[in-house]
């Protein structure tokens, strides 16, 4: 499953149309391989996003469960813990790619840094 598509069923507050559309967009991007379609494919791409969103929204609102709804904040906290365990980093740290600076140095064979 695409990592950017999150579970949307059985949450409190319930899923909204924007969340369903965002997941649908990620799904269509994944199966087409397009981040942004060309002009010639744009209508088909956006039509697919609309159709997937419509079907997904109907599905999510027709499902039933006896389980209590999950809390979004608690689930997000659990996901941060899993990410920290998986990647071995502090998930609270937000990395800014623009703040990375290129170095003119490299690491030599013995691990020494050279310039």
Protein backbone atom coordinates (compact mmCIF):
# COMPACT_ATOMS: atom_id res chain seq x y z
CA UNK A 1 0.00 0.00 0.00
CA UNK A 2 1.19 3.51 -0.69
CA UNK A 3 2.56 4.99 2.51
CA UNK A 4 0.87 8.32 1.90
CA UNK A 5 -2.60 6.78 1.83
CA UNK A 6 -3.86 6.60 5.39
CA UNK A 7 -6.68 4.55 6.86
CA UNK A 8 -9.80 6.71 6.86
CA UNK A 9 -12.45 4.42 8.36
CA UNK A 10 -13.74 4.55 11.92
CA UNK A 11 -12.22 7.77 13.18
CA UNK A 12 -13.62 10.44 15.43
CA UNK A 13 -14.27 12.95 13.92
CA UNK A 14 -15.39 11.03 10.79
CA UNK A 15 -13.56 11.37 7.50
CA UNK A 16 -14.39 14.41 5.39
CA UNK A 17 -14.50 14.87 1.62
CA UNK A 18 -11.10 16.63 1.52
CA UNK A 19 -9.36 13.68 3.20
CA UNK A 20 -11.02 11.22 0.82
CA UNK A 21 -10.01 13.33 -2.19
CA UNK A 22 -6.39 13.59 -0.97
CA UNK A 23 -6.20 9.80 -0.57
CA UNK A 24 -7.80 9.35 -4.00
CA UNK A 25 -5.26 11.69 -5.57
CA UNK A 26 -2.41 9.69 -3.99
CA UNK A 27 -3.95 6.44 -5.25
CA UNK A 28 -4.31 7.70 -8.83
CA UNK A 29 -0.76 9.12 -8.73
CA UNK A 30 0.52 5.76 -7.54
CA UNK A 31 -1.18 3.64 -10.19
CA UNK A 32 -0.42 6.03 -13.08
CA UNK A 33 3.10 6.94 -12.05
CA UNK A 34 2.27 10.63 -12.62
CA UNK A 35 2.86 13.24 -9.97
CA UNK A 36 1.26 15.74 -12.30
CA UNK A 37 -0.22 14.57 -15.61
CA UNK A 38 0.53 16.15 -18.96
CA UNK A 39 -2.08 18.46 -20.49
CA UNK A 40 -3.24 15.64 -22.78
CA UNK A 41 -3.81 13.32 -19.79
CA UNK A 42 -5.08 15.89 -17.30
CA UNK A 43 -8.81 15.38 -17.94
CA UNK A 44 -8.58 11.59 -17.62
CA UNK A 45 -6.39 11.89 -14.52
CA UNK A 46 -8.69 14.33 -12.73
CA UNK A 47 -11.75 12.34 -13.78
CA UNK A 48 -10.19 9.23 -12.24
CA UNK A 49 -9.47 11.12 -9.01
CA UNK A 50 -13.11 12.27 -8.86
CA UNK A 51 -14.45 8.76 -9.50
CA UNK A 52 -12.16 7.12 -6.94
CA UNK A 53 -13.07 9.80 -4.39
CA UNK A 54 -16.78 9.32 -5.00
CA UNK A 55 -16.66 5.54 -4.65
CA UNK A 56 -14.37 5.76 -1.62
CA UNK A 57 -16.60 8.30 0.14
CA UNK A 58 -19.68 6.11 -0.41
CA UNK A 59 -17.79 3.05 0.80
CA UNK A 60 -16.50 4.72 3.97
CA UNK A 61 -19.95 6.01 4.86
CA UNK A 62 -21.65 2.66 4.24
CA UNK A 63 -19.28 0.54 6.36
CA UNK A 64 -20.35 -0.51 9.83
CA UNK A 65 -18.32 -1.62 12.83
CA UNK A 66 -18.91 -2.45 16.46
CA UNK A 67 -15.45 -1.13 17.38
CA UNK A 68 -15.28 2.28 19.03
CA UNK A 69 -13.96 5.08 16.79
CA UNK A 70 -10.23 5.71 16.89
CA UNK A 71 -8.88 9.04 18.08
CA UNK A 72 -6.86 10.81 15.37
CA UNK A 73 -4.34 12.35 17.77
CA UNK A 74 -3.68 9.03 19.50
CA UNK A 75 -3.22 7.25 16.17
CA UNK A 76 -0.85 10.00 14.97
CA UNK A 77 1.21 9.63 18.17
CA UNK A 78 1.41 5.86 17.66
CA UNK A 79 2.54 6.42 14.05
CA UNK A 80 5.32 8.76 15.23
CA UNK A 81 6.56 6.12 17.67
CA UNK A 82 6.50 3.45 14.94
CA UNK A 83 8.41 5.78 12.58
CA UNK A 84 11.03 6.51 15.23
CA UNK A 85 11.48 2.79 15.89
CA UNK A 86 11.58 1.97 12.19
CA UNK A 87 13.92 4.71 11.06
CA UNK A 88 15.85 5.25 14.29
CA UNK A 89 15.33 9.00 14.34
CA UNK A 90 13.51 11.43 16.55
CA UNK A 91 10.19 11.89 14.77
CA UNK A 92 9.72 15.28 16.46
CA UNK A 93 12.56 16.73 14.41
CA UNK A 94 11.32 18.34 11.23
CA UNK A 95 13.97 18.35 8.59
CA UNK A 96 14.11 21.25 6.20
CA UNK A 97 15.73 20.16 2.91
CA UNK A 98 16.55 23.80 2.14
CA UNK A 99 18.73 23.98 5.25
CA UNK A 100 21.05 21.25 4.04
CA UNK A 101 24.33 22.62 2.77
CA UNK A 102 26.53 20.89 0.29
CA UNK A 103 29.98 20.19 1.49
CA UNK A 104 33.05 20.38 -0.70
CA UNK A 105 34.61 17.63 1.36
CA UNK A 106 34.40 13.88 1.11
CA UNK A 107 35.16 10.96 3.35
CA UNK A 108 38.33 9.11 2.43
CA UNK A 109 39.00 5.38 2.63
CA UNK A 110 40.05 5.48 6.27
CA UNK A 111 37.06 7.57 7.21
CA UNK A 112 38.98 10.85 7.40
CA UNK A 113 37.29 13.92 6.09
CA UNK A 114 39.18 15.68 3.34
CA UNK A 115 38.62 18.97 1.54
